[in-house]
C-alpha atoms as a PDB file:
ATOM      1  CA  MET A   1       7.196  23.391 -16.744  1.00  0.00           C
ATOM      2  CA  ASP A   2       8.833  26.828 -17.036  1.00  0.00           C
ATOM      3  CA  ASN A   3       9.886  26.735 -13.378  1.00  0.00           C
ATOM      4  CA  TYR A   4      11.470  23.275 -13.630  1.00  0.00           C
ATOM      5  CA  ARG A   5      14.373  21.698 -15.484  1.00  0.00           C
ATOM      6  CA  VAL A   6      13.764  18.023 -16.264  1.00  0.00           C
ATOM      7  CA  ILE A   7      16.704  15.798 -15.312  1.00  0.00           C
ATOM      8  CA  LYS A   8      15.544  12.263 -16.117  1.00  0.00           C
ATOM      9  CA  ALA A   9      12.555   9.911 -16.204  1.00  0.00           C
ATOM     10  CA  LEU A  10      11.883   8.038 -12.963  1.00  0.00           C
ATOM     11  CA  GLY A  11       9.072   5.744 -14.067  1.00  0.00           C
ATOM     12  CA  ALA A  12       5.297   5.585 -14.134  1.00  0.00           C
ATOM     13  CA  GLY A  13       2.793   5.689 -11.293  1.00  0.00           C
ATOM     14  CA  THR A  14      -0.839   4.578 -11.310  1.00  0.00           C
ATOM     15  CA  TRP A  15      -1.981   7.493 -13.465  1.00  0.00           C
ATOM     16  CA  GLY A  16       1.055   9.272 -14.843  1.00  0.00           C
ATOM     17  CA  VAL A  17       4.670   9.473 -15.911  1.00  0.00           C
ATOM     18  CA  VAL A  18       7.160  10.724 -13.296  1.00  0.00           C
ATOM     19  CA  HIS A  19      10.335  12.757 -13.972  1.00  0.00           C
ATOM     20  CA  GLN A  20      13.068  13.996 -11.703  1.00  0.00           C
ATOM     21  CA  ALA A  21      13.490  17.760 -12.075  1.00  0.00           C
ATOM     22  CA  GLU A  22      15.198  20.774 -10.538  1.00  0.00           C
ATOM     23  CA  GLN A  23      13.095  23.642  -9.233  1.00  0.00           C
ATOM     24  CA  LYS A  24      14.824  26.581 -10.930  1.00  0.00           C
ATOM     25  CA  GLY A  25      14.154  29.169  -8.261  1.00  0.00           C
ATOM     26  CA  THR A  26      15.440  27.076  -5.351  1.00  0.00           C
ATOM     27  CA  GLY A  27      17.616  24.340  -6.846  1.00  0.00           C
ATOM     28  CA  ARG A  28      15.495  21.772  -5.022  1.00  0.00           C
ATOM     29  CA  ILE A  29      15.346  18.329  -6.649  1.00  0.00           C
ATOM     30  CA  VAL A  30      11.743  17.200  -7.023  1.00  0.00           C
ATOM     31  CA  ALA A  31       9.638  14.529  -8.712  1.00  0.00           C
ATOM     32  CA  VAL A  32       7.094  15.775 -11.270  1.00  0.00           C
ATOM     33  CA  LYS A  33       4.176  13.512 -12.143  1.00  0.00           C
ATOM     34  CA  LYS A  34       2.365  14.523 -15.325  1.00  0.00           C
ATOM     35  CA  ILE A  35      -1.213  13.285 -15.454  1.00  0.00           C
ATOM     36  CA  LYS A  36      -2.837  13.650 -18.848  1.00  0.00           C
ATOM     37  CA  SER A  37      -6.575  14.088 -19.179  1.00  0.00           C
ATOM     38  CA  GLU A  38      -8.228  10.972 -20.588  1.00  0.00           C
ATOM     39  CA  ARG A  39     -10.626  13.239 -22.495  1.00  0.00           C
ATOM     40  CA  PRO A  40      -9.100  16.726 -22.954  1.00  0.00           C
ATOM     41  CA  GLU A  41     -12.465  18.131 -24.007  1.00  0.00           C
ATOM     42  CA  GLU A  42     -13.794  17.296 -20.518  1.00  0.00           C
ATOM     43  CA  GLY A  43     -11.066  19.225 -18.700  1.00  0.00           C
ATOM     44  CA  VAL A  44      -8.630  18.238 -15.972  1.00  0.00           C
ATOM     45  CA  ASN A  45      -8.251  14.562 -15.019  1.00  0.00           C
ATOM     46  CA  PHE A  46     -10.495  13.914 -12.014  1.00  0.00           C
ATOM     47  CA  THR A  47      -7.963  11.501 -10.550  1.00  0.00           C
ATOM     48  CA  ALA A  48      -5.440  14.342 -10.337  1.00  0.00           C
ATOM     49  CA  ILE A  49      -7.980  16.570  -8.600  1.00  0.00           C
ATOM     50  CA  ARG A  50      -8.712  13.835  -6.057  1.00  0.00           C
ATOM     51  CA  GLU A  51      -5.027  13.234  -5.327  1.00  0.00           C
ATOM     52  CA  ILE A  52      -4.386  16.972  -4.949  1.00  0.00           C
ATOM     53  CA  LYS A  53      -7.304  17.332  -2.543  1.00  0.00           C
ATOM     54  CA  LEU A  54      -6.252  14.370  -0.395  1.00  0.00           C
ATOM     55  CA  LEU A  55      -2.577  15.339  -0.139  1.00  0.00           C
ATOM     56  CA  ARG A  56      -3.326  19.013   0.516  1.00  0.00           C
ATOM     57  CA  GLU A  57      -5.561  18.097   3.466  1.00  0.00           C
ATOM     58  CA  PHE A  58      -2.784  17.000   5.810  1.00  0.00           C
ATOM     59  CA  LYS A  59       0.942  16.906   6.421  1.00  0.00           C
ATOM     60  CA  HIS A  60       2.644  13.899   7.964  1.00  0.00           C
ATOM     61  CA  PRO A  61       6.316  12.873   8.190  1.00  0.00           C
ATOM     62  CA  ASN A  62       5.557   9.521   6.523  1.00  0.00           C
ATOM     63  CA  ILE A  63       3.323  10.846   3.710  1.00  0.00           C
ATOM     64  CA  ILE A  64       4.873  12.215   0.523  1.00  0.00           C
ATOM     65  CA  GLU A  65       4.778  16.026   0.392  1.00  0.00           C
ATOM     66  CA  LEU A  66       2.927  17.701  -2.482  1.00  0.00           C
ATOM     67  CA  VAL A  67       5.212  20.669  -3.227  1.00  0.00           C
ATOM     68  CA  ASP A  68       3.460  22.310  -6.172  1.00  0.00           C
ATOM     69  CA  VAL A  69       0.715  21.854  -8.771  1.00  0.00           C
ATOM     70  CA  PHE A  70       0.443  23.356 -12.244  1.00  0.00           C
ATOM     71  CA  SER A  71      -1.305  22.662 -15.541  1.00  0.00           C
ATOM     72  CA  THR A  72       0.000  22.450 -19.105  1.00  0.00           C
ATOM     73  CA  PRO A  73      -1.517  23.676 -22.385  1.00  0.00           C
ATOM     74  CA  ASP A  74      -2.543  20.114 -23.333  1.00  0.00           C
ATOM     75  CA  MET A  75      -4.807  19.913 -20.234  1.00  0.00           C
ATOM     76  CA  ALA A  76      -2.386  17.750 -18.271  1.00  0.00           C
ATOM     77  CA  VAL A  77      -1.867  18.382 -14.568  1.00  0.00           C
ATOM     78  CA  CYS A  78       1.631  18.215 -13.085  1.00  0.00           C
ATOM     79  CA  LEU A  79       1.950  17.253  -9.429  1.00  0.00           C
ATOM     80  CA  VAL A  80       5.317  18.113  -7.901  1.00  0.00           C
ATOM     81  CA  TYR A  81       6.528  16.005  -4.963  1.00  0.00           C
ATOM     82  CA  GLU A  82       9.618  15.850  -2.806  1.00  0.00           C
ATOM     83  CA  CYS A  83      12.059  13.488  -4.529  1.00  0.00           C
ATOM     84  CA  ALA A  84      12.919  10.143  -2.923  1.00  0.00           C
ATOM     85  CA  ARG A  85      16.115   8.122  -3.193  1.00  0.00           C
ATOM     86  CA  THR A  86      14.584   4.661  -3.591  1.00  0.00           C
ATOM     87  CA  ASP A  87      11.599   2.484  -2.645  1.00  0.00           C
ATOM     88  CA  LEU A  88      11.018  -0.678  -0.622  1.00  0.00           C
ATOM     89  CA  GLU A  89      10.658  -2.889  -3.687  1.00  0.00           C
ATOM     90  CA  LYS A  90      14.149  -1.917  -4.853  1.00  0.00           C
ATOM     91  CA  ILE A  91      15.530  -2.446  -1.336  1.00  0.00           C
ATOM     92  CA  LEU A  92      14.001  -5.928  -1.105  1.00  0.00           C
ATOM     93  CA  ASN A  93      15.263  -6.880  -4.564  1.00  0.00           C
ATOM     94  CA  ASN A  94      18.819  -5.701  -3.866  1.00  0.00           C
ATOM     95  CA  LYS A  95      20.463  -8.820  -2.465  1.00  0.00           C
ATOM     96  CA  GLN A  96      23.523  -6.803  -1.466  1.00  0.00           C
ATOM     97  CA  ILE A  97      21.381  -5.104   1.197  1.00  0.00           C
ATOM     98  CA  SER A  98      21.112  -7.100   4.414  1.00  0.00           C
ATOM     99  CA  ILE A  99      17.773  -6.623   6.198  1.00  0.00           C
ATOM    100  CA  SER A 100      17.799  -7.518   9.904  1.00  0.00           C
ATOM    101  CA  LEU A 101      14.792  -8.160  12.155  1.00  0.00           C
ATOM    102  CA  ALA A 102      15.361  -4.684  13.621  1.00  0.00           C
ATOM    103  CA  ASP A 103      15.350  -3.193  10.102  1.00  0.00           C
ATOM    104  CA  ILE A 104      12.075  -4.973   9.302  1.00  0.00           C
ATOM    105  CA  LYS A 105      10.549  -3.480  12.433  1.00  0.00           C
ATOM    106  CA  GLN A 106      11.529   0.064  11.382  1.00  0.00           C
ATOM    107  CA  HIS A 107      10.237  -0.396   7.813  1.00  0.00           C
ATOM    108  CA  PHE A 108       6.937  -1.754   9.088  1.00  0.00           C
ATOM    109  CA  LEU A 109       6.569   0.857  11.834  1.00  0.00           C
ATOM    110  CA  SER A 110       6.896   3.672   9.283  1.00  0.00           C
ATOM    111  CA  LEU A 111       4.242   2.072   7.083  1.00  0.00           C
ATOM    112  CA  LEU A 112       1.825   1.739   9.993  1.00  0.00           C
ATOM    113  CA  TYR A 113       2.334   5.380  11.007  1.00  0.00           C
ATOM    114  CA  ALA A 114       1.452   6.458   7.459  1.00  0.00           C
ATOM    115  CA  VAL A 115      -1.577   4.174   7.144  1.00  0.00           C
ATOM    116  CA  ALA A 116      -2.871   5.142  10.598  1.00  0.00           C
ATOM    117  CA  ALA A 117      -2.666   8.814   9.568  1.00  0.00           C
ATOM    118  CA  CYS A 118      -4.688   8.077   6.424  1.00  0.00           C
ATOM    119  CA  HIS A 119      -7.348   6.072   8.237  1.00  0.00           C
ATOM    120  CA  GLU A 120      -7.702   8.677  10.989  1.00  0.00           C
ATOM    121  CA  ARG A 121      -8.773  11.027   8.199  1.00  0.00           C
ATOM    122  CA  TYR A 122     -11.046   8.394   6.600  1.00  0.00           C
ATOM    123  CA  ILE A 123      -8.768   8.016   3.592  1.00  0.00           C
ATOM    124  CA  LEU A 124      -8.352   4.585   2.007  1.00  0.00           C
ATOM    125  CA  HIS A 125      -5.089   4.372   0.067  1.00  0.00           C
ATOM    126  CA  ARG A 126      -6.149   1.325  -2.003  1.00  0.00           C
ATOM    127  CA  ASP A 127      -2.732   0.695  -3.535  1.00  0.00           C
ATOM    128  CA  LEU A 128      -0.387  -0.189  -0.694  1.00  0.00           C
ATOM    129  CA  LYS A 129       2.632  -2.098  -1.989  1.00  0.00           C
ATOM    130  CA  PRO A 130       6.429  -1.909  -1.605  1.00  0.00           C
ATOM    131  CA  ASP A 131       7.075   0.329  -4.617  1.00  0.00           C
ATOM    132  CA  ASN A 132       4.745   2.976  -3.176  1.00  0.00           C
ATOM    133  CA  MET A 133       6.879   3.134  -0.009  1.00  0.00           C
ATOM    134  CA  LEU A 134       9.538   5.700  -0.911  1.00  0.00           C
ATOM    135  CA  TYR A 135      12.706   6.437   1.063  1.00  0.00           C
ATOM    136  CA  MET A 136      14.398   9.803   1.474  1.00  0.00           C
ATOM    137  CA  GLU A 137      18.160  10.290   1.864  1.00  0.00           C
ATOM    138  CA  ASP A 138      17.858  10.213   5.678  1.00  0.00           C
ATOM    139  CA  GLY A 139      15.964   6.901   5.708  1.00  0.00           C
ATOM    140  CA  THR A 140      12.500   8.413   6.227  1.00  0.00           C
ATOM    141  CA  MET A 141       9.778   6.356   4.556  1.00  0.00           C
ATOM    142  CA  LYS A 142       7.155   8.321   2.615  1.00  0.00           C
ATOM    143  CA  LEU A 143       3.922   6.681   1.455  1.00  0.00           C
ATOM    144  CA  ALA A 144       3.161   7.803  -2.102  1.00  0.00           C
ATOM    145  CA  ASP A 145       0.832   7.387  -5.096  1.00  0.00           C
ATOM    146  CA  PHE A 146      -2.628   8.363  -3.886  1.00  0.00           C
ATOM    147  CA  GLY A 147      -4.144   8.037  -7.373  1.00  0.00           C
ATOM    148  CA  LEU A 148      -6.557   5.310  -6.235  1.00  0.00           C
ATOM    149  CA  ALA A 149      -7.272   6.759  -2.779  1.00  0.00           C
ATOM    150  CA  ARG A 150     -10.853   7.419  -1.727  1.00  0.00           C
ATOM    151  CA  MET A 151     -12.701   8.832   1.258  1.00  0.00           C
ATOM    152  CA  TYR A 152     -14.750   6.286   3.210  1.00  0.00           C
ATOM    153  CA  GLY A 153     -16.859   6.142   6.360  1.00  0.00           C
ATOM    154  CA  THR A 154     -20.261   7.209   5.028  1.00  0.00           C
ATOM    155  CA  PRO A 155     -22.744   4.329   5.467  1.00  0.00           C
ATOM    156  CA  LYS A 156     -23.458   2.339   2.302  1.00  0.00           C
ATOM    157  CA  THR A 157     -20.736   4.088   0.299  1.00  0.00           C
ATOM    158  CA  ARG A 158     -20.113   1.999  -2.830  1.00  0.00           C
ATOM    159  CA  LEU A 159     -16.487   1.598  -3.865  1.00  0.00           C
ATOM    160  CA  SER A 160     -15.147  -0.311  -6.843  1.00  0.00           C
ATOM    161  CA  PRO A 161     -13.661  -3.750  -6.144  1.00  0.00           C
ATOM    162  CA  GLN A 162     -11.270  -3.012  -9.032  1.00  0.00           C
ATOM    163  CA  ALA A 163      -8.673  -1.438  -6.757  1.00  0.00           C
ATOM    164  CA  ILE A 164      -5.439  -2.578  -5.076  1.00  0.00           C
ATOM    165  CA  THR A 165      -2.643  -4.387  -6.927  1.00  0.00           C
ATOM    166  CA  LEU A 166      -3.424  -8.111  -7.265  1.00  0.00           C
ATOM    167  CA  TRP A 167      -0.855  -9.648  -4.860  1.00  0.00           C
ATOM    168  CA  TYR A 168      -1.928  -7.182  -2.131  1.00  0.00           C
ATOM    169  CA  LYS A 169      -5.661  -7.349  -2.778  1.00  0.00           C
ATOM    170  CA  PRO A 170      -7.897  -8.655   0.034  1.00  0.00           C
ATOM    171  CA  PRO A 171     -10.261 -11.580  -0.496  1.00  0.00           C
ATOM    172  CA  GLU A 172     -13.426  -9.487  -0.029  1.00  0.00           C
ATOM    173  CA  LEU A 173     -12.509  -7.321  -3.045  1.00  0.00           C
ATOM    174  CA  LEU A 174     -11.528 -10.382  -5.046  1.00  0.00           C
ATOM    175  CA  LEU A 175     -15.026 -11.717  -4.325  1.00  0.00           C
ATOM    176  CA  GLY A 176     -16.590  -8.495  -5.631  1.00  0.00           C
ATOM    177  CA  ALA A 177     -17.287  -6.420  -2.494  1.00  0.00           C
ATOM    178  CA  TYR A 178     -18.549  -2.884  -3.187  1.00  0.00           C
ATOM    179  CA  GLU A 179     -18.734  -1.881   0.463  1.00  0.00           C
ATOM    180  CA  TYR A 180     -15.449  -2.041   2.380  1.00  0.00           C
ATOM    181  CA  SER A 181     -13.368  -0.002   4.760  1.00  0.00           C
ATOM    182  CA  SER A 182      -9.895   0.360   6.239  1.00  0.00           C
ATOM    183  CA  ALA A 183      -9.662  -3.425   6.631  1.00  0.00           C
ATOM    184  CA  ALA A 184      -8.984  -3.618   2.875  1.00  0.00           C
ATOM    185  CA  ASP A 185      -5.820  -1.540   3.306  1.00  0.00           C
ATOM    186  CA  MET A 186      -4.840  -3.599   6.351  1.00  0.00           C
ATOM    187  CA  TRP A 187      -4.753  -6.804   4.294  1.00  0.00           C
ATOM    188  CA  SER A 188      -2.250  -5.053   2.011  1.00  0.00           C
ATOM    189  CA  VAL A 189      -0.299  -3.959   5.101  1.00  0.00           C
ATOM    190  CA  GLY A 190      -0.151  -7.587   6.238  1.00  0.00           C
ATOM    191  CA  CYS A 191       1.068  -8.707   2.811  1.00  0.00           C
ATOM    192  CA  ILE A 192       3.878  -6.125   2.961  1.00  0.00           C
ATOM    193  CA  PHE A 193       4.850  -7.292   6.461  1.00  0.00           C
ATOM    194  CA  ALA A 194       4.942 -10.894   5.193  1.00  0.00           C
ATOM    195  CA  GLU A 195       7.091  -9.767   2.255  1.00  0.00           C
ATOM    196  CA  LEU A 196       9.539  -8.087   4.622  1.00  0.00           C
ATOM    197  CA  LEU A 197       9.808 -11.320   6.630  1.00  0.00           C
ATOM    198  CA  LEU A 198      10.173 -13.575   3.563  1.00  0.00           C
ATOM    199  CA  ARG A 199      11.961 -11.100   1.300  1.00  0.00           C
ATOM    200  CA  ARG A 200       9.647 -12.065  -1.528  1.00  0.00           C
ATOM    201  CA  PRO A 201       5.961 -11.386  -2.294  1.00  0.00           C
ATOM    202  CA  PHE A 202       3.852 -13.644  -0.100  1.00  0.00           C
ATOM    203  CA  LEU A 203       0.720 -14.345  -2.169  1.00  0.00           C
ATOM    204  CA  GLN A 204       1.659 -14.501  -5.845  1.00  0.00           C
ATOM    205  CA  GLY A 205      -1.444 -15.237  -7.899  1.00  0.00           C
ATOM    206  CA  LYS A 206      -1.275 -15.593 -11.692  1.00  0.00           C
ATOM    207  CA  ASN A 207      -2.841 -12.503 -13.285  1.00  0.00           C
ATOM    208  CA  SER A 208      -6.481 -13.049 -12.331  1.00  0.00           C
ATOM    209  CA  ASP A 209      -8.730 -12.579  -9.318  1.00  0.00           C
ATOM    210  CA  ILE A 210      -9.661 -16.277  -9.315  1.00  0.00           C
ATOM    211  CA  SER A 211      -6.004 -17.331  -9.335  1.00  0.00           C
ATOM    212  CA  GLN A 212      -5.315 -14.914  -6.484  1.00  0.00           C
ATOM    213  CA  LEU A 213      -8.206 -16.356  -4.475  1.00  0.00           C
ATOM    214  CA  ASP A 214      -6.861 -19.865  -5.101  1.00  0.00           C
ATOM    215  CA  THR A 215      -3.459 -18.722  -3.791  1.00  0.00           C
ATOM    216  CA  ILE A 216      -5.016 -17.142  -0.689  1.00  0.00           C
ATOM    217  CA  PHE A 217      -7.253 -20.107   0.134  1.00  0.00           C
ATOM    218  CA  THR A 218      -4.350 -22.535  -0.297  1.00  0.00           C
ATOM    219  CA  VAL A 219      -2.610 -20.718   2.568  1.00  0.00           C
ATOM    220  CA  PHE A 220      -5.529 -19.602   4.745  1.00  0.00           C
ATOM    221  CA  GLY A 221      -7.968 -22.405   4.065  1.00  0.00           C
ATOM    222  CA  THR A 222     -11.362 -22.234   2.399  1.00  0.00           C
ATOM    223  CA  PRO A 223     -13.857 -19.679   3.797  1.00  0.00           C
ATOM    224  CA  THR A 224     -16.363 -21.172   6.220  1.00  0.00           C
ATOM    225  CA  ASP A 225     -19.141 -19.917   8.460  1.00  0.00           C
ATOM    226  CA  VAL A 226     -16.613 -20.053  11.290  1.00  0.00           C
ATOM    227  CA  ASN A 227     -13.582 -18.237   9.842  1.00  0.00           C
ATOM    228  CA  TRP A 228     -15.623 -15.766   7.740  1.00  0.00           C
ATOM    229  CA  PRO A 229     -19.339 -15.732   8.590  1.00  0.00           C
ATOM    230  CA  ASP A 230     -20.338 -13.072   6.008  1.00  0.00           C
ATOM    231  CA  HIS A 231     -18.487 -14.372   2.951  1.00  0.00           C
ATOM    232  CA  LYS A 232     -21.556 -15.991   1.315  1.00  0.00           C
ATOM    233  CA  ALA A 233     -23.173 -12.558   0.868  1.00  0.00           C
ATOM    234  CA  LEU A 234     -20.379 -11.337  -1.433  1.00  0.00           C
ATOM    235  CA  PRO A 235     -21.222 -11.187  -5.173  1.00  0.00           C
ATOM    236  CA  LEU A 236     -19.083 -14.069  -6.438  1.00  0.00           C
ATOM    237  CA  CYS A 237     -20.141 -16.393  -3.614  1.00  0.00           C
ATOM    238  CA  ALA A 238     -23.779 -15.399  -4.071  1.00  0.00           C
ATOM    239  CA  ARG A 239     -23.468 -16.501  -7.709  1.00  0.00           C
ATOM    240  CA  GLY A 240     -22.429 -19.966  -6.553  1.00  0.00           C
ATOM    241  CA  LEU A 241     -18.648 -19.827  -6.939  1.00  0.00           C
ATOM    242  CA  LEU A 242     -17.206 -22.668  -4.825  1.00  0.00           C
ATOM    243  CA  TRP A 243     -13.796 -23.975  -3.778  1.00  0.00           C
ATOM    244  CA  ASP A 244     -12.707 -27.396  -2.604  1.00  0.00           C
ATOM    245  CA  ASP A 245     -12.310 -27.582   1.164  1.00  0.00           C
ATOM    246  CA  VAL A 246      -8.664 -27.155   2.141  1.00  0.00           C
ATOM    247  CA  PRO A 247      -7.150 -26.583   5.600  1.00  0.00           C
ATOM    248  CA  ALA A 248      -5.041 -23.576   6.510  1.00  0.00           C
ATOM    249  CA  ILE A 249      -1.245 -23.879   6.607  1.00  0.00           C
ATOM    250  CA  PRO A 250       0.171 -22.837  10.019  1.00  0.00           C
ATOM    251  CA  PHE A 251       2.159 -19.608   9.726  1.00  0.00           C
ATOM    252  CA  ASP A 252       4.976 -21.204  11.758  1.00  0.00           C
ATOM    253  CA  GLU A 253       5.598 -23.540   8.807  1.00  0.00           C
ATOM    254  CA  ILE A 254       5.846 -20.635   6.342  1.00  0.00           C
ATOM    255  CA  PHE A 255       7.673 -17.988   8.390  1.00  0.00           C
ATOM    256  CA  THR A 256      10.242 -20.294   9.940  1.00  0.00           C
ATOM    257  CA  ALA A 257      12.766 -17.528  10.709  1.00  0.00           C
ATOM    258  CA  ALA A 258      10.264 -15.040  12.132  1.00  0.00           C
ATOM    259  CA  PRO A 259       9.949 -14.439  15.901  1.00  0.00           C
ATOM    260  CA  LYS A 260       6.715 -15.489  17.594  1.00  0.00           C
ATOM    261  CA  ASP A 261       5.563 -11.920  18.233  1.00  0.00           C
ATOM    262  CA  ALA A 262       5.925 -11.090  14.520  1.00  0.00           C
ATOM    263  CA  ILE A 263       3.864 -14.149  13.582  1.00  0.00           C
ATOM    264  CA  SER A 264       1.236 -13.174  16.172  1.00  0.00           C
ATOM    265  CA  LEU A 265       0.920  -9.692  14.639  1.00  0.00           C
ATOM    266  CA  LEU A 266       0.854 -11.085  11.114  1.00  0.00           C
ATOM    267  CA  ARG A 267      -1.998 -13.452  12.017  1.00  0.00           C
ATOM    268  CA  SER A 268      -3.993 -10.488  13.305  1.00  0.00           C
ATOM    269  CA  LEU A 269      -3.565  -8.617  10.029  1.00  0.00           C
ATOM    270  CA  LEU A 270      -4.044 -11.440   7.542  1.00  0.00           C
ATOM    271  CA  THR A 271      -7.420 -12.877   8.451  1.00  0.00           C
ATOM    272  CA  LEU A 272     -10.017 -13.788   5.840  1.00  0.00           C
ATOM    273  CA  ASP A 273     -12.774 -12.003   7.753  1.00  0.00           C
ATOM    274  CA  PRO A 274     -12.175  -8.246   7.368  1.00  0.00           C
ATOM    275  CA  ASN A 275     -14.109  -7.602  10.590  1.00  0.00           C
ATOM    276  CA  MET A 276     -11.419  -9.486  12.521  1.00  0.00           C
ATOM    277  CA  ARG A 277      -8.382  -7.710  11.056  1.00  0.00           C
ATOM    278  CA  PHE A 278      -6.350  -5.402  13.241  1.00  0.00           C
ATOM    279  CA  THR A 279      -6.580  -1.688  12.581  1.00  0.00           C
ATOM    280  CA  ALA A 280      -3.357   0.252  12.050  1.00  0.00           C
ATOM    281  CA  GLN A 281      -3.547   1.553  15.613  1.00  0.00           C
ATOM    282  CA  GLN A 282      -4.093  -1.931  17.048  1.00  0.00           C
ATOM    283  CA  ALA A 283      -1.030  -3.097  15.109  1.00  0.00           C
ATOM    284  CA  LEU A 284       1.020  -0.203  16.504  1.00  0.00           C
ATOM    285  CA  ASP A 285      -0.063  -1.204  20.027  1.00  0.00           C
ATOM    286  CA  HIS A 286       1.070  -4.827  19.569  1.00  0.00           C
ATOM    287  CA  PRO A 287       3.914  -6.066  21.850  1.00  0.00           C
ATOM    288  CA  TYR A 288       5.999  -6.737  18.732  1.00  0.00           C
ATOM    289  CA  PHE A 289       7.056  -3.082  18.682  1.00  0.00           C
ATOM    290  CA  VAL A 290       8.218  -2.962  22.324  1.00  0.00           C
ATOM    291  CA  ASN A 291       9.910  -6.352  22.386  1.00  0.00           C
ATOM    292  CA  GLU A 292      13.565  -6.766  21.462  1.00  0.00           C
ATOM    293  CA  PRO A 293      15.112  -5.984  19.090  1.00  0.00           C
ATOM    294  CA  ALA A 294      14.286  -2.295  19.005  1.00  0.00           C
ATOM    295  CA  PRO A 295      13.574  -0.841  15.541  1.00  0.00           C
ATOM    296  CA  THR A 296      16.698   0.287  13.727  1.00  0.00           C
ATOM    297  CA  PRO A 297      16.882   4.116  13.777  1.00  0.00           C
ATOM    298  CA  LYS A 298      15.742   5.261  10.345  1.00  0.00           C
ATOM    299  CA  GLU A 299      18.994   7.089   9.622  1.00  0.00           C
ATOM    300  CA  LYS A 300      20.897   3.816  10.102  1.00  0.00           C
ATOM    301  CA  LEU A 301      18.825   1.812   7.598  1.00  0.00           C
ATOM    302  CA  THR A 302      20.680   0.612   4.524  1.00  0.00           C
ATOM    303  CA  ILE A 303      18.571   1.782   1.589  1.00  0.00           C
ATOM    304  CA  VAL A 304      21.054   1.696  -1.318  1.00  0.00           C
END
């Protein structure tokens, strides 16, 4: 930390505590995330190594920049990022900030650009949620916190279903899937889009995977051989876990203030069957983004 002067604590990410600091040589304000080793005798935290590797591989205007990396005597690794002004969760919770349909379009467009960039490089973020969407002073959105990110694309790659924050977690992971792809992130993307439209989290389960599945099936209906042909092969279904048959609730009844093109896009993202979900690029190509209103220019977004 010799090259940095700590200013204040900013909070905690998936794997570490984050502080705002000044880079002494340049005066630049940065965010420093200190990741302690779970077992110091085993060396540097592997999660930190993975995040460093992923963020060093590419630069993108909507991905947080990794400015510097250094270690400490207690075997912690410090990752230094550009410092953001706020995040989408804080924006949504600030009732003094008015969010128009054009604003929603800009917020969502930035997210899709970031996710598309990740998926083009076969990177699953696995923790997409509003508080990982950071905003710079000029309104640029930066996707952050790659502590749970993994590479995917190799056939039969096994990934843990214990990823993704509960309210943004897709049904296949909740049912124990070990093999999944970019569609898992796209469910989270759809949940964030729904949250922008409703200005509250869409699918609020009660602290367990089963409760979250109940919440999802109440809205989308019970899985069937028609709406999700492969669901019976997933671990929890294979063990005989069953739900009462319930019909889906039409999105028009939930998103009463949303335009039809937004609802159309949302339906294509939030489908029970991961094979039917839009990719990030398909979402970007949807008419929603060319129809009126045009996205608010990022520098005109109200973020504080």
